[in-house]
Amino acid sequence: MPVTEDENDGSVDAGRTEKLVMVAALGVIERGLLILVALMTLAATSVEVLSIIERRSVNLGDILLMFLYTEVMAMVAVFYTGKGLPFVYPIFIAITALARLIVLQGKDMDPQNIVLEASAILLLAIAAVVLLRFARR
């Protein structure tokens, strides 16, 4: 039997109202932060493109950095569209960041560190496959 306002002096309705206000406020904050992330990513992309134009050369590290920016934008888009699995995109970002680190510091890195980072990439890739495969069920 549901509790009515008469039986509980309105405290149940007040709790629901507070919950609705908090959910709405947190939703607005989340959307604002997502917009900020998208704008900051666009700004960082612009700075990187201008740097490439000034240098008049593109290297593999620059391309991987652009993939990182693209994946961040895709993650924001997934939150807005609801299509896709938002928790897989941070895994993709981590894989790309580790690959970029290996590419940029590969010659100067200890071979053991390269193997460890490559192992981390493999572990993340396996996690992404498992999440994508079993999340659809």
N, C-alpha and C. Protein backbone atom coordinates (compact mmCIF):
# COMPACT_ATOMS: atom_id res chain seq x y z
N MET A 1 0.84 -1.18 0.00
CA MET A 1 0.00 0.00 0.00
C MET A 1 0.88 1.24 0.00
N PRO A 2 0.74 2.15 -0.98
CA PRO A 2 1.59 3.34 -1.04
C PRO A 2 1.30 4.31 0.10
N VAL A 3 2.37 5.00 0.49
CA VAL A 3 2.25 6.00 1.55
C VAL A 3 1.75 7.29 0.92
N THR A 4 0.74 7.88 1.52
CA THR A 4 0.20 9.13 0.99
C THR A 4 0.75 10.30 1.79
N GLU A 5 0.55 11.48 1.27
CA GLU A 5 1.04 12.68 1.94
C GLU A 5 0.39 12.86 3.31
N ASP A 6 -0.90 12.48 3.43
CA ASP A 6 -1.60 12.64 4.71
C ASP A 6 -0.98 11.78 5.80
N GLU A 7 -0.55 10.58 5.45
CA GLU A 7 0.00 9.67 6.44
C GLU A 7 1.42 10.05 6.87
N ASN A 8 2.15 10.78 6.01
CA ASN A 8 3.56 10.99 6.28
C ASN A 8 3.93 12.47 6.25
N ASP A 9 3.01 13.35 6.33
CA ASP A 9 3.22 14.80 6.36
C ASP A 9 4.04 15.32 5.18
N GLY A 10 3.99 14.66 4.04
CA GLY A 10 4.66 15.16 2.85
C GLY A 10 6.13 14.82 2.74
N SER A 11 6.72 14.11 3.67
CA SER A 11 8.15 13.84 3.62
C SER A 11 8.52 12.93 2.45
N VAL A 12 7.63 12.03 2.05
CA VAL A 12 7.90 11.15 0.91
C VAL A 12 7.95 11.98 -0.36
N ASP A 13 6.98 12.87 -0.55
CA ASP A 13 6.96 13.74 -1.73
C ASP A 13 8.15 14.69 -1.73
N ALA A 14 8.54 15.18 -0.55
CA ALA A 14 9.69 16.07 -0.47
C ALA A 14 10.96 15.33 -0.88
N GLY A 15 11.08 14.07 -0.48
CA GLY A 15 12.24 13.26 -0.87
C GLY A 15 12.30 13.03 -2.37
N ARG A 16 11.14 12.77 -2.97
CA ARG A 16 11.08 12.58 -4.42
C ARG A 16 11.44 13.88 -5.14
N THR A 17 10.94 14.98 -4.66
CA THR A 17 11.23 16.28 -5.28
C THR A 17 12.72 16.58 -5.19
N GLU A 18 13.29 16.34 -4.03
CA GLU A 18 14.74 16.58 -3.86
C GLU A 18 15.54 15.71 -4.82
N LYS A 19 15.14 14.45 -4.94
CA LYS A 19 15.83 13.53 -5.84
C LYS A 19 15.71 14.02 -7.29
N LEU A 20 14.53 14.43 -7.71
CA LEU A 20 14.33 14.93 -9.07
C LEU A 20 15.16 16.18 -9.34
N VAL A 21 15.22 17.08 -8.36
CA VAL A 21 16.01 18.30 -8.52
C VAL A 21 17.49 17.96 -8.64
N MET A 22 17.97 17.04 -7.80
CA MET A 22 19.39 16.66 -7.85
C MET A 22 19.73 15.97 -9.17
N VAL A 23 18.86 15.08 -9.63
CA VAL A 23 19.11 14.39 -10.90
C VAL A 23 19.14 15.41 -12.04
N ALA A 24 18.22 16.35 -12.04
CA ALA A 24 18.19 17.38 -13.08
C ALA A 24 19.44 18.26 -13.01
N ALA A 25 19.82 18.66 -11.80
CA ALA A 25 21.01 19.52 -11.64
C ALA A 25 22.27 18.80 -12.09
N LEU A 26 22.41 17.54 -11.70
CA LEU A 26 23.59 16.79 -12.11
C LEU A 26 23.60 16.54 -13.61
N GLY A 27 22.43 16.38 -14.20
CA GLY A 27 22.35 16.23 -15.65
C GLY A 27 22.80 17.48 -16.38
N VAL A 28 22.41 18.64 -15.87
CA VAL A 28 22.83 19.91 -16.46
C VAL A 28 24.35 20.07 -16.32
N ILE A 29 24.87 19.74 -15.15
CA ILE A 29 26.32 19.83 -14.94
C ILE A 29 27.06 18.89 -15.88
N GLU A 30 26.57 17.67 -16.02
CA GLU A 30 27.20 16.69 -16.91
C GLU A 30 27.21 17.21 -18.35
N ARG A 31 26.08 17.72 -18.81
CA ARG A 31 26.02 18.23 -20.18
C ARG A 31 26.94 19.44 -20.37
N GLY A 32 27.00 20.29 -19.37
CA GLY A 32 27.90 21.44 -19.46
C GLY A 32 29.36 21.01 -19.53
N LEU A 33 29.72 20.03 -18.73
CA LEU A 33 31.10 19.54 -18.76
C LEU A 33 31.41 18.83 -20.08
N LEU A 34 30.43 18.11 -20.63
CA LEU A 34 30.64 17.47 -21.93
C LEU A 34 30.84 18.51 -23.03
N ILE A 35 30.09 19.59 -22.97
CA ILE A 35 30.28 20.67 -23.94
C ILE A 35 31.66 21.28 -23.77
N LEU A 36 32.08 21.48 -22.53
CA LEU A 36 33.41 22.01 -22.26
C LEU A 36 34.49 21.08 -22.79
N VAL A 37 34.34 19.78 -22.57
CA VAL A 37 35.31 18.80 -23.09
C VAL A 37 35.37 18.88 -24.61
N ALA A 38 34.21 18.96 -25.26
CA ALA A 38 34.18 19.04 -26.73
C ALA A 38 34.88 20.32 -27.22
N LEU A 39 34.60 21.44 -26.57
CA LEU A 39 35.23 22.70 -26.98
C LEU A 39 36.74 22.68 -26.74
N MET A 40 37.16 22.12 -25.61
CA MET A 40 38.60 22.04 -25.33
C MET A 40 39.30 21.10 -26.32
N THR A 41 38.62 20.03 -26.69
CA THR A 41 39.19 19.10 -27.67
C THR A 41 39.32 19.76 -29.03
N LEU A 42 38.31 20.52 -29.42
CA LEU A 42 38.39 21.26 -30.68
C LEU A 42 39.52 22.29 -30.66
N ALA A 43 39.68 22.96 -29.53
CA ALA A 43 40.77 23.95 -29.40
C ALA A 43 42.13 23.26 -29.48
N ALA A 44 42.29 22.14 -28.79
CA ALA A 44 43.56 21.42 -28.83
C ALA A 44 43.85 20.89 -30.24
N THR A 45 42.81 20.44 -30.92
CA THR A 45 42.97 19.98 -32.30
C THR A 45 43.42 21.13 -33.20
N SER A 46 42.82 22.28 -33.02
CA SER A 46 43.19 23.46 -33.82
C SER A 46 44.65 23.84 -33.58
N VAL A 47 45.07 23.84 -32.32
CA VAL A 47 46.45 24.17 -31.99
C VAL A 47 47.41 23.17 -32.64
N GLU A 48 47.06 21.90 -32.59
CA GLU A 48 47.91 20.87 -33.19
C GLU A 48 47.99 21.01 -34.70
N VAL A 49 46.85 21.29 -35.35
CA VAL A 49 46.85 21.48 -36.80
C VAL A 49 47.70 22.69 -37.17
N LEU A 50 47.57 23.79 -36.42
CA LEU A 50 48.40 24.97 -36.69
C LEU A 50 49.88 24.66 -36.51
N SER A 51 50.20 23.87 -35.51
CA SER A 51 51.59 23.47 -35.28
C SER A 51 52.13 22.64 -36.45
N ILE A 52 51.30 21.75 -36.96
CA ILE A 52 51.71 20.93 -38.10
C ILE A 52 51.93 21.81 -39.33
N ILE A 53 51.04 22.76 -39.53
CA ILE A 53 51.17 23.68 -40.67
C ILE A 53 52.44 24.51 -40.55
N GLU A 54 52.73 25.01 -39.35
CA GLU A 54 53.95 25.80 -39.15
C GLU A 54 55.22 24.97 -39.38
N ARG A 55 55.22 23.72 -38.92
CA ARG A 55 56.38 22.83 -39.08
C ARG A 55 56.50 22.31 -40.51
N ARG A 56 55.38 22.28 -41.20
CA ARG A 56 55.30 21.73 -42.56
C ARG A 56 55.73 20.27 -42.62
N SER A 57 55.41 19.56 -41.55
CA SER A 57 55.68 18.12 -41.54
C SER A 57 54.71 17.43 -40.59
N VAL A 58 54.37 16.22 -40.95
CA VAL A 58 53.47 15.41 -40.14
C VAL A 58 54.20 14.12 -39.80
N ASN A 59 54.20 13.77 -38.51
CA ASN A 59 54.81 12.51 -38.13
C ASN A 59 53.76 11.60 -37.52
N LEU A 60 54.16 10.38 -37.23
CA LEU A 60 53.21 9.38 -36.72
C LEU A 60 52.62 9.80 -35.37
N GLY A 61 53.41 10.46 -34.53
CA GLY A 61 52.91 10.94 -33.25
C GLY A 61 51.77 11.93 -33.42
N ASP A 62 51.88 12.80 -34.44
CA ASP A 62 50.81 13.77 -34.72
C ASP A 62 49.52 13.06 -35.15
N ILE A 63 49.67 12.04 -35.97
CA ILE A 63 48.50 11.30 -36.44
C ILE A 63 47.82 10.59 -35.27
N LEU A 64 48.62 9.97 -34.42
CA LEU A 64 48.04 9.28 -33.26
C LEU A 64 47.37 10.27 -32.30
N LEU A 65 47.94 11.46 -32.17
CA LEU A 65 47.31 12.48 -31.33
C LEU A 65 45.96 12.90 -31.91
N MET A 66 45.88 12.99 -33.23
CA MET A 66 44.60 13.31 -33.86
C MET A 66 43.58 12.20 -33.61
N PHE A 67 44.03 10.95 -33.61
CA PHE A 67 43.13 9.85 -33.26
C PHE A 67 42.63 9.99 -31.83
N LEU A 68 43.51 10.41 -30.93
CA LEU A 68 43.08 10.63 -29.54
C LEU A 68 41.99 11.68 -29.48
N TYR A 69 42.19 12.78 -30.17
CA TYR A 69 41.18 13.84 -30.19
C TYR A 69 39.88 13.35 -30.80
N THR A 70 39.99 12.57 -31.87
CA THR A 70 38.80 12.03 -32.52
C THR A 70 38.03 11.11 -31.59
N GLU A 71 38.76 10.29 -30.84
CA GLU A 71 38.11 9.36 -29.92
C GLU A 71 37.44 10.09 -28.76
N VAL A 72 38.03 11.18 -28.32
CA VAL A 72 37.39 11.98 -27.26
C VAL A 72 36.09 12.58 -27.79
N MET A 73 36.11 13.09 -29.01
CA MET A 73 34.88 13.64 -29.60
C MET A 73 33.83 12.54 -29.79
N ALA A 74 34.27 11.35 -30.19
CA ALA A 74 33.33 10.23 -30.35
C ALA A 74 32.72 9.85 -29.01
N MET A 75 33.52 9.91 -27.95
CA MET A 75 33.01 9.58 -26.62
C MET A 75 31.94 10.59 -26.20
N VAL A 76 32.16 11.85 -26.49
CA VAL A 76 31.15 12.88 -26.18
C VAL A 76 29.89 12.62 -27.00
N ALA A 77 30.07 12.28 -28.28
CA ALA A 77 28.92 12.02 -29.14
C ALA A 77 28.11 10.82 -28.65
N VAL A 78 28.79 9.80 -28.14
CA VAL A 78 28.09 8.62 -27.62
C VAL A 78 27.23 9.00 -26.43
N PHE A 79 27.72 9.88 -25.57
CA PHE A 79 26.92 10.30 -24.42
C PHE A 79 25.67 11.04 -24.87
N TYR A 80 25.78 11.84 -25.93
CA TYR A 80 24.63 12.60 -26.40
C TYR A 80 23.65 11.77 -27.21
N THR A 81 24.16 10.85 -28.03
CA THR A 81 23.28 10.08 -28.90
C THR A 81 22.73 8.84 -28.23
N GLY A 82 23.47 8.32 -27.26
CA GLY A 82 23.05 7.09 -26.61
C GLY A 82 23.33 5.86 -27.45
N LYS A 83 23.96 6.04 -28.61
CA LYS A 83 24.31 4.91 -29.47
C LYS A 83 25.73 4.48 -29.15
N GLY A 84 25.91 3.21 -28.94
CA GLY A 84 27.24 2.70 -28.63
C GLY A 84 27.40 2.47 -27.13
N LEU A 85 28.55 2.01 -26.77
CA LEU A 85 28.86 1.72 -25.37
C LEU A 85 29.87 2.75 -24.87
N PRO A 86 29.45 3.68 -24.04
CA PRO A 86 30.34 4.77 -23.64
C PRO A 86 31.56 4.31 -22.84
N PHE A 87 31.48 3.16 -22.18
CA PHE A 87 32.61 2.74 -21.37
C PHE A 87 33.71 2.07 -22.19
N VAL A 88 33.49 1.84 -23.48
CA VAL A 88 34.52 1.25 -24.33
C VAL A 88 35.45 2.34 -24.89
N TYR A 89 34.94 3.53 -25.08
CA TYR A 89 35.76 4.60 -25.66
C TYR A 89 36.97 4.97 -24.79
N PRO A 90 36.85 5.04 -23.48
CA PRO A 90 38.07 5.28 -22.70
C PRO A 90 39.13 4.19 -22.89
N ILE A 91 38.69 2.97 -23.15
CA ILE A 91 39.64 1.89 -23.43
C ILE A 91 40.35 2.17 -24.76
N PHE A 92 39.60 2.59 -25.76
CA PHE A 92 40.21 2.93 -27.05
C PHE A 92 41.19 4.09 -26.90
N ILE A 93 40.81 5.07 -26.10
CA ILE A 93 41.70 6.22 -25.86
C ILE A 93 42.98 5.76 -25.18
N ALA A 94 42.86 4.87 -24.20
CA ALA A 94 44.05 4.37 -23.50
C ALA A 94 44.95 3.58 -24.45
N ILE A 95 44.36 2.78 -25.33
CA ILE A 95 45.16 2.01 -26.30
C ILE A 95 45.92 2.96 -27.21
N THR A 96 45.24 3.97 -27.73
CA THR A 96 45.88 4.93 -28.62
C THR A 96 46.97 5.71 -27.89
N ALA A 97 46.71 6.10 -26.65
CA ALA A 97 47.71 6.84 -25.88
C ALA A 97 48.95 5.99 -25.62
N LEU A 98 48.76 4.73 -25.29
CA LEU A 98 49.91 3.85 -25.08
C LEU A 98 50.68 3.63 -26.38
N ALA A 99 49.96 3.46 -27.49
CA ALA A 99 50.63 3.29 -28.78
C ALA A 99 51.43 4.54 -29.13
N ARG A 100 50.86 5.70 -28.86
CA ARG A 100 51.57 6.97 -29.12
C ARG A 100 52.82 7.08 -28.26
N LEU A 101 52.70 6.67 -27.01
CA LEU A 101 53.86 6.70 -26.11
C LEU A 101 54.97 5.78 -26.62
N ILE A 102 54.61 4.60 -27.07
CA ILE A 102 55.62 3.68 -27.61
C ILE A 102 56.28 4.27 -28.85
N VAL A 103 55.47 4.88 -29.72
CA VAL A 103 56.01 5.45 -30.95
C VAL A 103 56.94 6.62 -30.65
N LEU A 104 56.53 7.50 -29.75
CA LEU A 104 57.33 8.69 -29.47
C LEU A 104 58.59 8.40 -28.67
N GLN A 105 58.53 7.42 -27.78
CA GLN A 105 59.69 7.15 -26.91
C GLN A 105 60.31 5.79 -27.18
N GLY A 106 59.90 5.14 -28.24
CA GLY A 106 60.34 3.77 -28.52
C GLY A 106 61.84 3.59 -28.61
N LYS A 107 62.53 4.49 -29.24
CA LYS A 107 63.97 4.34 -29.42
C LYS A 107 64.74 4.52 -28.12
N ASP A 108 64.22 5.36 -27.25
CA ASP A 108 64.93 5.67 -26.01
C ASP A 108 64.45 4.84 -24.82
N MET A 109 63.41 4.05 -25.01
CA MET A 109 62.82 3.30 -23.90
C MET A 109 63.56 2.00 -23.65
N ASP A 110 63.52 1.56 -22.41
CA ASP A 110 64.02 0.25 -22.04
C ASP A 110 63.13 -0.80 -22.72
N PRO A 111 63.71 -1.81 -23.34
CA PRO A 111 62.89 -2.83 -24.02
C PRO A 111 61.84 -3.48 -23.11
N GLN A 112 62.16 -3.60 -21.83
CA GLN A 112 61.19 -4.18 -20.90
C GLN A 112 59.94 -3.30 -20.78
N ASN A 113 60.13 -1.99 -20.80
CA ASN A 113 58.99 -1.08 -20.73
C ASN A 113 58.12 -1.17 -21.99
N ILE A 114 58.78 -1.35 -23.13
CA ILE A 114 58.01 -1.50 -24.37
C ILE A 114 57.15 -2.76 -24.31
N VAL A 115 57.73 -3.86 -23.80
CA VAL A 115 56.97 -5.10 -23.68
C VAL A 115 55.81 -4.93 -22.70
N LEU A 116 56.05 -4.23 -21.59
CA LEU A 116 54.99 -4.00 -20.61
C LEU A 116 53.86 -3.16 -21.20
N GLU A 117 54.21 -2.10 -21.93
CA GLU A 117 53.18 -1.25 -22.54
C GLU A 117 52.44 -1.99 -23.65
N ALA A 118 53.14 -2.80 -24.42
CA ALA A 118 52.48 -3.61 -25.44
C ALA A 118 51.54 -4.62 -24.79
N SER A 119 51.95 -5.17 -23.65
CA SER A 119 51.09 -6.09 -22.92
C SER A 119 49.85 -5.38 -22.40
N ALA A 120 50.02 -4.15 -21.95
CA ALA A 120 48.88 -3.35 -21.50
C ALA A 120 47.91 -3.10 -22.65
N ILE A 121 48.45 -2.83 -23.84
CA ILE A 121 47.59 -2.64 -25.01
C ILE A 121 46.82 -3.91 -25.32
N LEU A 122 47.50 -5.05 -25.25
CA LEU A 122 46.83 -6.33 -25.50
C LEU A 122 45.72 -6.57 -24.48
N LEU A 123 46.00 -6.31 -23.22
CA LEU A 123 45.00 -6.50 -22.16
C LEU A 123 43.80 -5.59 -22.37
N LEU A 124 44.06 -4.34 -22.72
CA LEU A 124 42.96 -3.41 -23.00
C LEU A 124 42.15 -3.84 -24.22
N ALA A 125 42.83 -4.34 -25.25
CA ALA A 125 42.12 -4.80 -26.44
C ALA A 125 41.23 -6.00 -26.12
N ILE A 126 41.74 -6.90 -25.30
CA ILE A 126 40.92 -8.06 -24.89
C ILE A 126 39.71 -7.58 -24.09
N ALA A 127 39.93 -6.63 -23.19
CA ALA A 127 38.82 -6.09 -22.40
C ALA A 127 37.77 -5.45 -23.31
N ALA A 128 38.21 -4.71 -24.32
CA ALA A 128 37.26 -4.07 -25.24
C ALA A 128 36.46 -5.11 -26.01
N VAL A 129 37.12 -6.17 -26.46
CA VAL A 129 36.42 -7.22 -27.20
C VAL A 129 35.39 -7.90 -26.30
N VAL A 130 35.79 -8.21 -25.08
CA VAL A 130 34.86 -8.86 -24.14
C VAL A 130 33.66 -7.95 -23.87
N LEU A 131 33.91 -6.68 -23.61
CA LEU A 131 32.81 -5.75 -23.34
C LEU A 131 31.88 -5.62 -24.55
N LEU A 132 32.45 -5.49 -25.72
CA LEU A 132 31.62 -5.34 -26.92
C LEU A 132 30.84 -6.61 -27.23
N ARG A 133 31.45 -7.73 -26.99
CA ARG A 133 30.80 -9.00 -27.31
C ARG A 133 29.67 -9.33 -26.33
N PHE A 134 29.90 -9.12 -25.04
CA PHE A 134 28.92 -9.55 -24.05
C PHE A 134 27.95 -8.46 -23.63
N ALA A 135 28.21 -7.21 -23.97
CA ALA A 135 27.30 -6.12 -23.62
C ALA A 135 26.05 -6.14 -24.48
N ARG A 136 26.13 -6.75 -25.62
CA ARG A 136 24.98 -6.79 -26.55
C ARG A 136 23.95 -7.81 -26.13
N ARG A 137 24.32 -8.71 -25.25
CA ARG A 137 23.40 -9.78 -24.84
C ARG A 137 22.46 -9.34 -23.79
